[in-house]
């Protein structure tokens, strides 16, 4: 029997980074550690992509060439769909329309599509409450998942609860926050509230795996 394959379609919060970007990491680099032995992870996520640009660049098409019956396709977009440029989509319009294509393509191959709401950025208001920075995109995805009866991993909610528990200061340990001179790849330091360090990528991957288990996925 062939191993189950897990394909990841997403943006920079999911994607793979080589040693030159370390300790920056996407959760897709760490998800394999939480899955059953024998699941083959193909991390096709790429920095800066939206649900629209990922498809327009032929990336979904390339996944389709290798996808088989029983495989999984995890889809997480939203960060760049917000951007006011050619990547932009409307939450209850083109965003849902593009997400629908991922679902249809996976089902055409008799594979299992799974929608994942965008992971929270590290953003707190003056009272120390997590600020949702993704507008209507998470809700639009929840709505579509219900309509199409697709498993949903609500990473927006899961990561938001985690950030709230950690608070403004402790949550920095999940992200690419470095003091000047702390790491040779970032001599001037870094204060990045979107991208994870290796530790944070592992924590977020754990939340995704938890969601997959709750959804009863055979992974």
N, C-alpha and C. Protein backbone atom coordinates (compact mmCIF):
# COMPACT_ATOMS: atom_id res chain seq x y z
N UNK A 1 0.84 -1.19 0.00
CA UNK A 1 0.00 0.00 0.00
C UNK A 1 0.88 1.26 0.00
N UNK A 2 0.50 2.21 -0.85
CA UNK A 2 1.29 3.44 -0.95
C UNK A 2 1.02 4.35 0.24
N UNK A 3 2.06 5.09 0.64
CA UNK A 3 1.92 6.01 1.76
C UNK A 3 0.96 7.14 1.42
N UNK A 4 0.24 7.62 2.44
CA UNK A 4 -0.61 8.80 2.27
C UNK A 4 0.30 10.01 2.08
N UNK A 5 -0.07 10.86 1.13
CA UNK A 5 0.67 12.10 0.91
C UNK A 5 -0.15 13.27 1.44
N UNK A 6 0.53 14.21 2.10
CA UNK A 6 -0.09 15.45 2.55
C UNK A 6 0.54 16.60 1.80
N UNK A 7 -0.25 17.29 0.99
CA UNK A 7 0.22 18.45 0.24
C UNK A 7 -0.20 19.72 0.97
N UNK A 8 0.72 20.66 1.10
CA UNK A 8 0.43 21.93 1.76
C UNK A 8 0.42 23.06 0.75
N UNK A 9 -0.69 23.77 0.67
CA UNK A 9 -0.80 24.97 -0.17
C UNK A 9 -0.98 26.15 0.77
N UNK A 10 -0.09 27.14 0.70
CA UNK A 10 -0.19 28.24 1.64
C UNK A 10 0.84 29.32 1.37
N UNK A 11 1.04 30.15 2.38
CA UNK A 11 1.93 31.31 2.26
C UNK A 11 3.18 31.15 3.12
N UNK A 12 3.81 32.27 3.44
CA UNK A 12 5.09 32.24 4.16
C UNK A 12 4.99 31.68 5.58
N UNK A 13 3.79 31.70 6.18
CA UNK A 13 3.66 31.16 7.53
C UNK A 13 3.67 29.63 7.54
N UNK A 14 3.52 29.06 6.35
CA UNK A 14 3.49 27.59 6.19
C UNK A 14 4.78 27.07 5.55
N UNK A 15 5.39 27.89 4.70
CA UNK A 15 6.42 27.41 3.78
C UNK A 15 7.73 26.97 4.43
N UNK A 16 8.55 26.34 3.62
CA UNK A 16 9.87 25.83 4.04
C UNK A 16 10.91 26.93 3.87
N UNK A 17 11.85 27.00 4.80
CA UNK A 17 12.98 27.93 4.69
C UNK A 17 14.28 27.16 4.85
N UNK A 18 15.27 27.52 4.04
CA UNK A 18 16.56 26.83 4.17
C UNK A 18 17.41 27.51 5.25
N UNK A 19 18.61 27.01 5.44
CA UNK A 19 19.47 27.44 6.54
C UNK A 19 19.80 28.94 6.49
N UNK A 20 19.77 29.52 5.29
CA UNK A 20 20.13 30.94 5.16
C UNK A 20 19.09 31.85 5.82
N UNK A 21 17.88 31.35 6.04
CA UNK A 21 16.82 32.15 6.67
C UNK A 21 16.62 31.78 8.14
N UNK A 22 17.31 30.74 8.60
CA UNK A 22 17.14 30.28 9.99
C UNK A 22 17.41 31.42 10.95
N UNK A 23 16.73 31.47 12.10
CA UNK A 23 15.77 30.48 12.61
C UNK A 23 14.32 30.67 12.13
N UNK A 24 14.10 31.44 11.06
CA UNK A 24 12.75 31.58 10.51
C UNK A 24 12.27 30.22 9.99
N UNK A 25 11.02 29.89 10.28
CA UNK A 25 10.47 28.60 9.85
C UNK A 25 8.96 28.72 9.69
N UNK A 26 8.41 27.93 8.77
CA UNK A 26 6.96 27.84 8.60
C UNK A 26 6.45 26.59 9.30
N UNK A 27 5.18 26.58 9.69
CA UNK A 27 4.68 25.41 10.41
C UNK A 27 4.69 24.15 9.55
N UNK A 28 4.69 24.33 8.23
CA UNK A 28 4.74 23.17 7.34
C UNK A 28 6.03 22.38 7.46
N UNK A 29 7.10 23.05 7.95
CA UNK A 29 8.38 22.36 8.16
C UNK A 29 8.31 21.41 9.34
N UNK A 30 7.37 21.63 10.25
CA UNK A 30 7.31 20.88 11.50
C UNK A 30 6.14 19.92 11.61
N UNK A 31 5.19 20.00 10.69
CA UNK A 31 3.96 19.22 10.82
C UNK A 31 4.21 17.71 10.80
N UNK A 32 5.23 17.28 10.04
CA UNK A 32 5.51 15.85 9.91
C UNK A 32 5.74 15.15 11.24
N UNK A 33 6.31 15.87 12.21
CA UNK A 33 6.62 15.28 13.52
C UNK A 33 5.36 14.91 14.30
N UNK A 34 4.22 15.46 13.90
CA UNK A 34 2.97 15.23 14.63
C UNK A 34 2.05 14.23 13.94
N UNK A 35 2.48 13.71 12.78
CA UNK A 35 1.62 12.84 11.99
C UNK A 35 2.02 11.37 12.13
N UNK A 36 1.15 10.48 11.66
CA UNK A 36 1.47 9.05 11.67
C UNK A 36 2.71 8.78 10.85
N UNK A 37 3.44 7.78 11.26
CA UNK A 37 4.64 7.39 10.51
C UNK A 37 4.22 6.98 9.10
N UNK A 38 4.98 7.41 8.13
CA UNK A 38 4.66 7.01 6.75
C UNK A 38 3.89 8.06 5.97
N UNK A 39 3.36 9.09 6.64
CA UNK A 39 2.71 10.18 5.90
C UNK A 39 3.81 11.03 5.25
N UNK A 40 3.73 11.21 3.95
CA UNK A 40 4.74 11.98 3.23
C UNK A 40 4.26 13.42 3.06
N UNK A 41 4.98 14.36 3.63
CA UNK A 41 4.58 15.77 3.55
C UNK A 41 5.26 16.43 2.35
N UNK A 42 4.46 17.05 1.50
CA UNK A 42 4.98 17.84 0.36
C UNK A 42 4.60 19.29 0.62
N UNK A 43 5.56 20.07 1.09
CA UNK A 43 5.28 21.46 1.43
C UNK A 43 5.44 22.34 0.19
N UNK A 44 4.31 22.64 -0.44
CA UNK A 44 4.33 23.45 -1.66
C UNK A 44 4.01 24.92 -1.37
N UNK A 45 3.84 25.27 -0.10
CA UNK A 45 3.54 26.65 0.28
C UNK A 45 4.70 27.56 -0.15
N UNK A 46 4.38 28.82 -0.43
CA UNK A 46 5.41 29.76 -0.90
C UNK A 46 5.12 31.17 -0.36
N UNK A 47 6.20 31.85 0.01
CA UNK A 47 6.08 33.21 0.57
C UNK A 47 5.33 34.14 -0.38
N UNK A 48 4.51 34.98 0.21
CA UNK A 48 3.87 36.04 -0.56
C UNK A 48 2.69 35.64 -1.40
N UNK A 49 2.26 34.39 -1.31
CA UNK A 49 1.18 33.93 -2.19
C UNK A 49 -0.18 34.10 -1.54
N UNK A 50 -1.15 34.40 -2.38
CA UNK A 50 -2.55 34.44 -1.95
C UNK A 50 -3.26 33.24 -2.57
N UNK A 51 -4.51 33.03 -2.20
CA UNK A 51 -5.27 31.91 -2.78
C UNK A 51 -5.33 32.06 -4.30
N UNK A 52 -5.31 33.30 -4.76
CA UNK A 52 -5.38 33.61 -6.20
C UNK A 52 -4.02 33.40 -6.89
N UNK A 53 -2.96 34.04 -6.36
CA UNK A 53 -1.66 33.99 -7.06
C UNK A 53 -1.07 32.58 -7.07
N UNK A 54 -1.36 31.80 -6.04
CA UNK A 54 -0.88 30.41 -5.98
C UNK A 54 -1.40 29.62 -7.17
N UNK A 55 -2.67 29.82 -7.48
CA UNK A 55 -3.29 29.13 -8.62
C UNK A 55 -2.79 29.71 -9.93
N UNK A 56 -2.72 31.04 -10.01
CA UNK A 56 -2.31 31.69 -11.26
C UNK A 56 -0.89 31.31 -11.68
N UNK A 57 -0.05 30.98 -10.70
CA UNK A 57 1.33 30.58 -10.99
C UNK A 57 1.46 29.09 -11.32
N UNK A 58 0.35 28.39 -11.35
CA UNK A 58 0.37 26.97 -11.71
C UNK A 58 0.76 26.04 -10.58
N UNK A 59 0.78 26.56 -9.36
CA UNK A 59 1.24 25.74 -8.24
C UNK A 59 0.23 24.65 -7.86
N UNK A 60 -1.05 24.98 -7.92
CA UNK A 60 -2.08 23.95 -7.64
C UNK A 60 -2.05 22.87 -8.72
N UNK A 61 -1.84 23.30 -9.94
CA UNK A 61 -1.76 22.36 -11.07
C UNK A 61 -0.63 21.35 -10.85
N UNK A 62 0.50 21.82 -10.34
CA UNK A 62 1.64 20.92 -10.09
C UNK A 62 1.33 19.93 -8.97
N UNK A 63 0.61 20.40 -7.95
CA UNK A 63 0.19 19.48 -6.88
C UNK A 63 -0.71 18.40 -7.46
N UNK A 64 -1.62 18.82 -8.32
CA UNK A 64 -2.59 17.88 -8.92
C UNK A 64 -1.91 16.74 -9.68
N UNK A 65 -0.77 17.05 -10.28
CA UNK A 65 -0.05 16.03 -11.06
C UNK A 65 0.40 14.86 -10.20
N UNK A 66 0.60 15.12 -8.90
CA UNK A 66 1.14 14.08 -8.02
C UNK A 66 0.13 13.55 -7.00
N UNK A 67 -1.03 14.18 -6.94
CA UNK A 67 -2.02 13.81 -5.94
C UNK A 67 -2.74 12.52 -6.33
N UNK A 68 -2.97 11.67 -5.32
CA UNK A 68 -3.62 10.38 -5.56
C UNK A 68 -4.85 10.22 -4.67
N UNK A 69 -5.63 9.23 -4.99
CA UNK A 69 -6.78 8.85 -4.18
C UNK A 69 -6.36 8.66 -2.72
N UNK A 70 -7.06 9.31 -1.79
CA UNK A 70 -6.77 9.14 -0.37
C UNK A 70 -5.76 10.11 0.21
N UNK A 71 -5.11 10.90 -0.65
CA UNK A 71 -4.16 11.91 -0.17
C UNK A 71 -4.92 13.08 0.47
N UNK A 72 -4.16 14.00 1.05
CA UNK A 72 -4.75 15.19 1.68
C UNK A 72 -4.16 16.46 1.08
N UNK A 73 -5.00 17.50 1.01
CA UNK A 73 -4.55 18.83 0.61
C UNK A 73 -4.98 19.81 1.69
N UNK A 74 -4.00 20.37 2.42
CA UNK A 74 -4.24 21.40 3.42
C UNK A 74 -4.07 22.77 2.76
N UNK A 75 -5.05 23.65 2.94
CA UNK A 75 -5.05 24.95 2.27
C UNK A 75 -5.18 26.07 3.30
N UNK A 76 -4.14 26.90 3.43
CA UNK A 76 -4.19 28.05 4.34
C UNK A 76 -3.77 29.33 3.61
N UNK A 77 -4.73 30.19 3.37
CA UNK A 77 -4.45 31.50 2.77
C UNK A 77 -5.26 32.58 3.49
N UNK A 78 -4.86 33.81 3.32
CA UNK A 78 -5.55 34.94 3.93
C UNK A 78 -4.63 36.13 4.14
N UNK A 79 -3.38 35.85 4.57
CA UNK A 79 -2.42 36.92 4.84
C UNK A 79 -2.23 37.84 3.63
N UNK A 80 -2.06 37.25 2.46
CA UNK A 80 -1.75 38.05 1.27
C UNK A 80 -2.97 38.35 0.42
N UNK A 81 -4.07 37.64 0.69
CA UNK A 81 -5.33 37.98 0.01
C UNK A 81 -5.79 39.37 0.43
N UNK A 82 -5.33 39.83 1.58
CA UNK A 82 -5.67 41.16 2.09
C UNK A 82 -4.94 42.28 1.37
N UNK A 83 -3.81 41.96 0.77
CA UNK A 83 -2.92 43.01 0.23
C UNK A 83 -3.59 43.74 -0.95
N UNK A 84 -3.44 45.07 -1.01
CA UNK A 84 -4.12 45.85 -2.06
C UNK A 84 -3.36 45.86 -3.38
N UNK A 85 -3.02 44.68 -3.87
CA UNK A 85 -2.31 44.58 -5.15
C UNK A 85 -2.92 43.45 -5.97
N UNK A 86 -2.18 42.94 -6.94
CA UNK A 86 -2.75 41.93 -7.85
C UNK A 86 -3.08 40.61 -7.15
N UNK A 87 -2.61 40.44 -5.91
CA UNK A 87 -2.91 39.21 -5.17
C UNK A 87 -4.25 39.28 -4.45
N UNK A 88 -4.83 40.45 -4.39
CA UNK A 88 -6.02 40.69 -3.56
C UNK A 88 -7.23 39.87 -3.98
N UNK A 89 -7.97 39.41 -2.98
CA UNK A 89 -9.27 38.78 -3.22
C UNK A 89 -10.28 39.38 -2.24
N UNK A 90 -11.56 39.29 -2.59
CA UNK A 90 -12.64 39.76 -1.71
C UNK A 90 -13.11 38.57 -0.87
N UNK A 91 -13.19 38.74 0.47
CA UNK A 91 -13.50 37.61 1.36
C UNK A 91 -14.70 36.76 0.92
N UNK A 92 -15.86 37.41 0.69
CA UNK A 92 -17.06 36.64 0.36
C UNK A 92 -17.29 36.53 -1.15
N UNK A 93 -16.26 36.89 -1.91
CA UNK A 93 -16.36 36.80 -3.36
C UNK A 93 -15.25 35.94 -3.93
N UNK A 94 -14.21 36.60 -4.45
CA UNK A 94 -13.14 35.86 -5.15
C UNK A 94 -12.34 34.94 -4.22
N UNK A 95 -12.20 35.30 -2.94
CA UNK A 95 -11.49 34.43 -1.98
C UNK A 95 -12.19 33.08 -1.89
N UNK A 96 -13.49 33.11 -1.68
CA UNK A 96 -14.25 31.86 -1.61
C UNK A 96 -14.22 31.12 -2.96
N UNK A 97 -14.25 31.88 -4.04
CA UNK A 97 -14.23 31.25 -5.38
C UNK A 97 -12.93 30.51 -5.62
N UNK A 98 -11.81 31.12 -5.22
CA UNK A 98 -10.51 30.45 -5.39
C UNK A 98 -10.39 29.24 -4.45
N UNK A 99 -10.81 29.40 -3.20
CA UNK A 99 -10.76 28.26 -2.27
C UNK A 99 -11.59 27.09 -2.78
N UNK A 100 -12.70 27.41 -3.40
CA UNK A 100 -13.57 26.37 -3.97
C UNK A 100 -12.80 25.55 -5.01
N UNK A 101 -11.90 26.21 -5.75
CA UNK A 101 -11.12 25.49 -6.78
C UNK A 101 -10.19 24.46 -6.15
N UNK A 102 -9.58 24.81 -5.00
CA UNK A 102 -8.71 23.84 -4.31
C UNK A 102 -9.52 22.61 -3.90
N UNK A 103 -10.69 22.86 -3.39
CA UNK A 103 -11.57 21.77 -2.93
C UNK A 103 -11.98 20.90 -4.12
N UNK A 104 -12.40 21.53 -5.19
CA UNK A 104 -12.85 20.79 -6.38
C UNK A 104 -11.72 19.96 -6.98
N UNK A 105 -10.52 20.55 -7.04
CA UNK A 105 -9.37 19.84 -7.62
C UNK A 105 -9.02 18.60 -6.79
N UNK A 106 -9.00 18.76 -5.47
CA UNK A 106 -8.69 17.62 -4.60
C UNK A 106 -9.74 16.53 -4.77
N UNK A 107 -11.00 16.92 -4.77
CA UNK A 107 -12.08 15.93 -4.89
C UNK A 107 -12.07 15.23 -6.25
N UNK A 108 -11.64 15.96 -7.27
CA UNK A 108 -11.52 15.36 -8.60
C UNK A 108 -10.53 14.19 -8.58
N UNK A 109 -9.51 14.31 -7.73
CA UNK A 109 -8.49 13.27 -7.59
C UNK A 109 -8.85 12.28 -6.48
N UNK A 110 -10.07 12.41 -5.94
CA UNK A 110 -10.53 11.58 -4.82
C UNK A 110 -9.59 11.71 -3.61
N UNK A 111 -9.05 12.90 -3.47
CA UNK A 111 -8.23 13.23 -2.31
C UNK A 111 -9.09 14.04 -1.33
N UNK A 112 -8.51 14.37 -0.18
CA UNK A 112 -9.26 15.00 0.90
C UNK A 112 -8.83 16.46 1.11
N UNK A 113 -9.65 17.42 0.71
CA UNK A 113 -9.30 18.82 0.96
C UNK A 113 -9.60 19.20 2.41
N UNK A 114 -8.75 20.05 2.98
CA UNK A 114 -8.94 20.55 4.34
C UNK A 114 -8.63 22.05 4.31
N UNK A 115 -9.56 22.87 4.79
CA UNK A 115 -9.35 24.31 4.82
C UNK A 115 -8.85 24.73 6.20
N UNK A 116 -7.87 25.63 6.22
CA UNK A 116 -7.24 26.09 7.47
C UNK A 116 -7.30 27.62 7.51
N UNK A 117 -8.01 28.16 8.49
CA UNK A 117 -8.09 29.62 8.60
C UNK A 117 -6.71 30.20 8.91
N UNK A 118 -6.44 31.45 8.47
CA UNK A 118 -5.08 32.00 8.60
C UNK A 118 -4.63 32.13 10.05
N UNK A 119 -3.38 31.80 10.28
CA UNK A 119 -2.80 31.88 11.62
C UNK A 119 -2.68 33.34 12.04
N UNK A 120 -2.95 33.61 13.32
CA UNK A 120 -2.92 34.98 13.82
C UNK A 120 -1.52 35.59 13.78
N UNK A 121 -1.48 36.87 13.49
CA UNK A 121 -0.26 37.65 13.68
C UNK A 121 -0.16 38.02 15.17
N UNK A 122 1.04 38.35 15.59
CA UNK A 122 1.22 38.79 16.98
C UNK A 122 0.82 40.27 17.06
N UNK A 123 -0.43 40.50 17.39
CA UNK A 123 -0.95 41.87 17.45
C UNK A 123 -1.86 42.00 18.66
N UNK A 124 -1.53 42.94 19.55
CA UNK A 124 -2.30 43.16 20.78
C UNK A 124 -2.74 44.61 20.86
N UNK A 125 -3.91 44.84 21.46
CA UNK A 125 -4.34 46.22 21.67
C UNK A 125 -3.74 46.75 22.99
N UNK A 126 -4.07 47.98 23.33
CA UNK A 126 -3.45 48.61 24.51
C UNK A 126 -3.86 47.93 25.82
N UNK A 127 -4.93 47.13 25.76
CA UNK A 127 -5.38 46.39 26.95
C UNK A 127 -4.75 45.01 27.03
N UNK A 128 -3.92 44.68 26.04
CA UNK A 128 -3.28 43.36 26.02
C UNK A 128 -4.15 42.27 25.44
N UNK A 129 -5.18 42.66 24.68
CA UNK A 129 -6.04 41.66 24.03
C UNK A 129 -5.57 41.43 22.60
N UNK A 130 -5.64 40.17 22.17
CA UNK A 130 -5.24 39.84 20.80
C UNK A 130 -6.17 40.55 19.83
N UNK A 131 -5.54 41.19 18.84
CA UNK A 131 -6.30 41.90 17.82
C UNK A 131 -6.34 41.04 16.57
N UNK A 132 -7.54 40.75 16.08
CA UNK A 132 -7.63 39.98 14.84
C UNK A 132 -7.30 40.89 13.67
N UNK A 133 -6.32 40.49 12.87
CA UNK A 133 -5.88 41.34 11.76
C UNK A 133 -6.33 40.81 10.40
N UNK A 134 -7.18 39.79 10.40
CA UNK A 134 -7.55 39.18 9.12
C UNK A 134 -8.95 39.51 8.62
N UNK A 135 -9.63 40.43 9.32
CA UNK A 135 -10.94 40.87 8.83
C UNK A 135 -11.91 39.72 8.62
N UNK A 136 -12.57 39.73 7.46
CA UNK A 136 -13.61 38.74 7.17
C UNK A 136 -13.09 37.42 6.59
N UNK A 137 -11.79 37.34 6.33
CA UNK A 137 -11.28 36.14 5.65
C UNK A 137 -11.51 34.84 6.45
N UNK A 138 -11.21 34.81 7.75
CA UNK A 138 -11.46 33.56 8.49
C UNK A 138 -12.93 33.15 8.45
N UNK A 139 -13.83 34.13 8.64
CA UNK A 139 -15.25 33.80 8.64
C UNK A 139 -15.71 33.33 7.26
N UNK A 140 -15.18 33.95 6.22
CA UNK A 140 -15.53 33.54 4.85
C UNK A 140 -15.12 32.10 4.60
N UNK A 141 -13.96 31.71 5.13
CA UNK A 141 -13.50 30.33 4.97
C UNK A 141 -14.37 29.37 5.79
N UNK A 142 -14.71 29.76 7.00
CA UNK A 142 -15.59 28.91 7.83
C UNK A 142 -16.92 28.66 7.12
N UNK A 143 -17.46 29.73 6.55
CA UNK A 143 -18.73 29.64 5.84
C UNK A 143 -18.65 28.68 4.66
N UNK A 144 -17.57 28.81 3.89
CA UNK A 144 -17.39 27.96 2.70
C UNK A 144 -17.20 26.49 3.10
N UNK A 145 -16.42 26.27 4.16
CA UNK A 145 -16.18 24.89 4.63
C UNK A 145 -17.50 24.23 5.02
N UNK A 146 -18.37 24.98 5.68
CA UNK A 146 -19.68 24.44 6.07
C UNK A 146 -20.53 24.13 4.83
N UNK A 147 -20.49 25.07 3.88
CA UNK A 147 -21.29 24.89 2.65
C UNK A 147 -20.83 23.67 1.85
N UNK A 148 -19.52 23.50 1.72
CA UNK A 148 -18.98 22.40 0.90
C UNK A 148 -18.75 21.12 1.70
N UNK A 149 -19.02 21.20 3.01
CA UNK A 149 -18.79 20.06 3.90
C UNK A 149 -17.35 19.57 3.83
N UNK A 150 -16.46 20.53 3.99
CA UNK A 150 -15.02 20.27 3.98
C UNK A 150 -14.54 20.39 5.43
N UNK A 151 -13.66 19.49 5.88
CA UNK A 151 -13.09 19.65 7.22
C UNK A 151 -12.39 21.00 7.34
N UNK A 152 -12.57 21.64 8.49
CA UNK A 152 -11.97 22.95 8.75
C UNK A 152 -11.10 22.86 10.00
N UNK A 153 -9.89 23.37 9.90
CA UNK A 153 -9.04 23.55 11.08
C UNK A 153 -9.02 25.05 11.34
N UNK A 154 -9.64 25.46 12.45
CA UNK A 154 -9.76 26.90 12.72
C UNK A 154 -8.50 27.39 13.44
N UNK A 155 -7.46 27.57 12.65
CA UNK A 155 -6.17 27.99 13.20
C UNK A 155 -6.20 29.44 13.68
N UNK A 156 -7.07 30.25 13.09
CA UNK A 156 -7.23 31.63 13.57
C UNK A 156 -7.62 31.61 15.05
N UNK A 157 -8.63 30.81 15.36
CA UNK A 157 -9.11 30.74 16.75
C UNK A 157 -8.09 30.09 17.67
N UNK A 158 -7.52 28.98 17.22
CA UNK A 158 -6.55 28.24 18.05
C UNK A 158 -5.31 29.09 18.37
N UNK A 159 -4.77 29.72 17.34
CA UNK A 159 -3.56 30.52 17.55
C UNK A 159 -3.88 31.79 18.34
N UNK A 160 -5.09 32.33 18.14
CA UNK A 160 -5.51 33.51 18.90
C UNK A 160 -5.60 33.22 20.39
N UNK A 161 -6.16 32.06 20.72
CA UNK A 161 -6.26 31.67 22.14
C UNK A 161 -4.87 31.48 22.74
N UNK A 162 -3.98 30.88 21.95
CA UNK A 162 -2.61 30.66 22.42
C UNK A 162 -1.91 31.99 22.69
N UNK A 163 -2.02 32.92 21.75
CA UNK A 163 -1.37 34.23 21.92
C UNK A 163 -1.94 34.96 23.13
N UNK A 164 -3.26 34.85 23.32
CA UNK A 164 -3.89 35.52 24.47
C UNK A 164 -3.36 34.95 25.78
N UNK A 165 -3.19 33.63 25.82
CA UNK A 165 -2.67 32.98 27.03
C UNK A 165 -1.24 33.43 27.31
N UNK A 166 -0.43 33.53 26.25
CA UNK A 166 0.97 33.91 26.42
C UNK A 166 1.13 35.40 26.75
N UNK A 167 0.29 36.21 26.13
CA UNK A 167 0.38 37.65 26.35
C UNK A 167 1.41 38.33 25.45
N UNK A 168 1.43 39.67 25.44
CA UNK A 168 2.28 40.43 24.52
C UNK A 168 3.77 40.09 24.60
N UNK A 169 4.29 39.86 25.79
CA UNK A 169 5.73 39.63 25.93
C UNK A 169 6.12 38.19 25.63
N UNK A 170 5.48 37.24 26.31
CA UNK A 170 5.86 35.83 26.14
C UNK A 170 5.60 35.31 24.73
N UNK A 171 4.63 35.92 24.03
CA UNK A 171 4.31 35.44 22.68
C UNK A 171 5.44 35.72 21.69
N UNK A 172 6.35 36.62 22.04
CA UNK A 172 7.49 36.91 21.14
C UNK A 172 8.33 35.67 20.89
N UNK A 173 8.33 34.73 21.83
CA UNK A 173 9.17 33.53 21.68
C UNK A 173 8.71 32.63 20.54
N UNK A 174 7.47 32.84 20.06
CA UNK A 174 6.97 32.06 18.92
C UNK A 174 7.44 32.64 17.59
N UNK A 175 7.75 33.92 17.61
CA UNK A 175 7.99 34.65 16.36
C UNK A 175 9.48 34.95 16.16
N UNK A 176 9.77 35.54 15.01
CA UNK A 176 11.15 35.85 14.67
C UNK A 176 11.54 37.17 15.33
N UNK A 177 11.73 37.11 16.62
CA UNK A 177 12.20 38.26 17.40
C UNK A 177 13.62 37.96 17.86
N UNK A 178 14.56 38.72 17.37
CA UNK A 178 15.97 38.51 17.70
C UNK A 178 16.64 39.82 18.06
N UNK A 179 17.51 39.77 19.04
CA UNK A 179 18.30 40.95 19.39
C UNK A 179 19.45 41.10 18.39
N UNK A 180 19.94 42.31 18.16
CA UNK A 180 21.11 42.48 17.28
C UNK A 180 22.25 41.58 17.75
N UNK A 181 22.85 40.87 16.80
CA UNK A 181 23.97 39.99 17.11
C UNK A 181 23.58 38.63 17.66
N UNK A 182 22.29 38.39 17.86
CA UNK A 182 21.85 37.10 18.44
C UNK A 182 21.98 35.96 17.44
N UNK A 183 21.80 36.26 16.16
CA UNK A 183 21.90 35.22 15.13
C UNK A 183 22.62 35.79 13.91
N UNK A 184 23.60 35.04 13.36
CA UNK A 184 24.39 35.55 12.23
C UNK A 184 23.56 35.90 10.99
N UNK A 185 22.40 35.25 10.82
CA UNK A 185 21.56 35.58 9.65
C UNK A 185 20.83 36.90 9.80
N UNK A 186 20.76 37.40 11.03
CA UNK A 186 20.06 38.66 11.29
C UNK A 186 20.93 39.54 12.19
N UNK A 187 22.04 40.04 11.66
CA UNK A 187 23.00 40.80 12.48
C UNK A 187 22.37 42.02 13.17
N UNK A 188 21.36 42.62 12.52
CA UNK A 188 20.71 43.80 13.10
C UNK A 188 19.52 43.43 13.98
N UNK A 189 19.29 42.11 14.15
CA UNK A 189 18.14 41.65 14.91
C UNK A 189 16.89 41.59 14.04
N UNK A 190 15.77 41.24 14.65
CA UNK A 190 14.49 41.16 13.92
C UNK A 190 13.35 41.34 14.90
N UNK A 191 12.30 42.01 14.43
CA UNK A 191 11.06 42.14 15.20
C UNK A 191 9.92 41.86 14.23
N UNK A 192 9.65 40.58 14.04
CA UNK A 192 8.71 40.11 13.03
C UNK A 192 7.51 39.47 13.73
N UNK A 193 6.34 40.08 13.56
CA UNK A 193 5.13 39.59 14.24
C UNK A 193 4.28 38.69 13.36
N UNK A 194 4.81 38.30 12.21
CA UNK A 194 4.06 37.42 11.29
C UNK A 194 4.71 36.05 11.18
N UNK A 195 6.04 36.03 11.07
CA UNK A 195 6.75 34.78 10.80
C UNK A 195 7.32 34.16 12.08
N UNK A 196 7.38 32.84 12.06
CA UNK A 196 7.77 32.11 13.27
C UNK A 196 9.25 31.78 13.31
N UNK A 197 9.75 31.61 14.53
CA UNK A 197 11.06 30.99 14.70
C UNK A 197 10.82 29.47 14.70
N UNK A 198 11.90 28.70 14.75
CA UNK A 198 11.75 27.24 14.68
C UNK A 198 10.87 26.71 15.81
N UNK A 199 11.06 27.24 17.00
CA UNK A 199 10.25 26.81 18.14
C UNK A 199 8.77 27.11 17.88
N UNK A 200 8.48 28.35 17.47
CA UNK A 200 7.11 28.75 17.21
C UNK A 200 6.44 27.94 16.11
N UNK A 201 7.20 27.65 15.05
CA UNK A 201 6.67 26.83 13.95
C UNK A 201 6.23 25.46 14.47
N UNK A 202 7.00 24.92 15.40
CA UNK A 202 6.64 23.63 15.99
C UNK A 202 5.37 23.71 16.82
N UNK A 203 5.23 24.79 17.57
CA UNK A 203 4.03 24.98 18.40
C UNK A 203 2.79 25.11 17.52
N UNK A 204 2.89 25.90 16.46
CA UNK A 204 1.76 26.10 15.56
C UNK A 204 1.43 24.80 14.81
N UNK A 205 2.46 24.07 14.39
CA UNK A 205 2.24 22.77 13.75
C UNK A 205 1.46 21.84 14.68
N UNK A 206 1.76 21.93 15.97
CA UNK A 206 1.03 21.13 16.95
C UNK A 206 -0.44 21.48 16.99
N UNK A 207 -0.75 22.78 16.85
CA UNK A 207 -2.16 23.21 16.81
C UNK A 207 -2.86 22.69 15.56
N UNK A 208 -2.16 22.70 14.43
CA UNK A 208 -2.73 22.18 13.18
C UNK A 208 -3.01 20.68 13.33
N UNK A 209 -2.06 19.97 13.91
CA UNK A 209 -2.23 18.52 14.11
C UNK A 209 -3.38 18.24 15.07
N UNK A 210 -3.51 19.06 16.09
CA UNK A 210 -4.62 18.93 17.05
C UNK A 210 -5.96 19.09 16.31
N UNK A 211 -6.01 20.11 15.44
CA UNK A 211 -7.22 20.35 14.64
C UNK A 211 -7.52 19.20 13.70
N UNK A 212 -6.47 18.61 13.13
CA UNK A 212 -6.66 17.47 12.22
C UNK A 212 -7.25 16.28 12.98
N UNK A 213 -6.76 16.08 14.19
CA UNK A 213 -7.26 14.98 15.03
C UNK A 213 -8.72 15.22 15.40
N UNK A 214 -9.04 16.46 15.79
CA UNK A 214 -10.43 16.81 16.14
C UNK A 214 -11.38 16.60 14.97
N UNK A 215 -10.85 16.80 13.75
CA UNK A 215 -11.67 16.64 12.54
C UNK A 215 -11.75 15.17 12.09
N UNK A 216 -11.03 14.29 12.82
CA UNK A 216 -11.07 12.87 12.51
C UNK A 216 -10.32 12.47 11.26
N UNK A 217 -9.29 13.24 10.91
CA UNK A 217 -8.51 12.94 9.71
C UNK A 217 -7.56 11.77 9.96
N UNK A 218 -7.40 10.94 8.96
CA UNK A 218 -6.55 9.74 9.10
C UNK A 218 -5.10 10.08 8.83
N UNK A 219 -4.54 10.93 9.68
CA UNK A 219 -3.16 11.36 9.52
C UNK A 219 -2.37 11.13 10.82
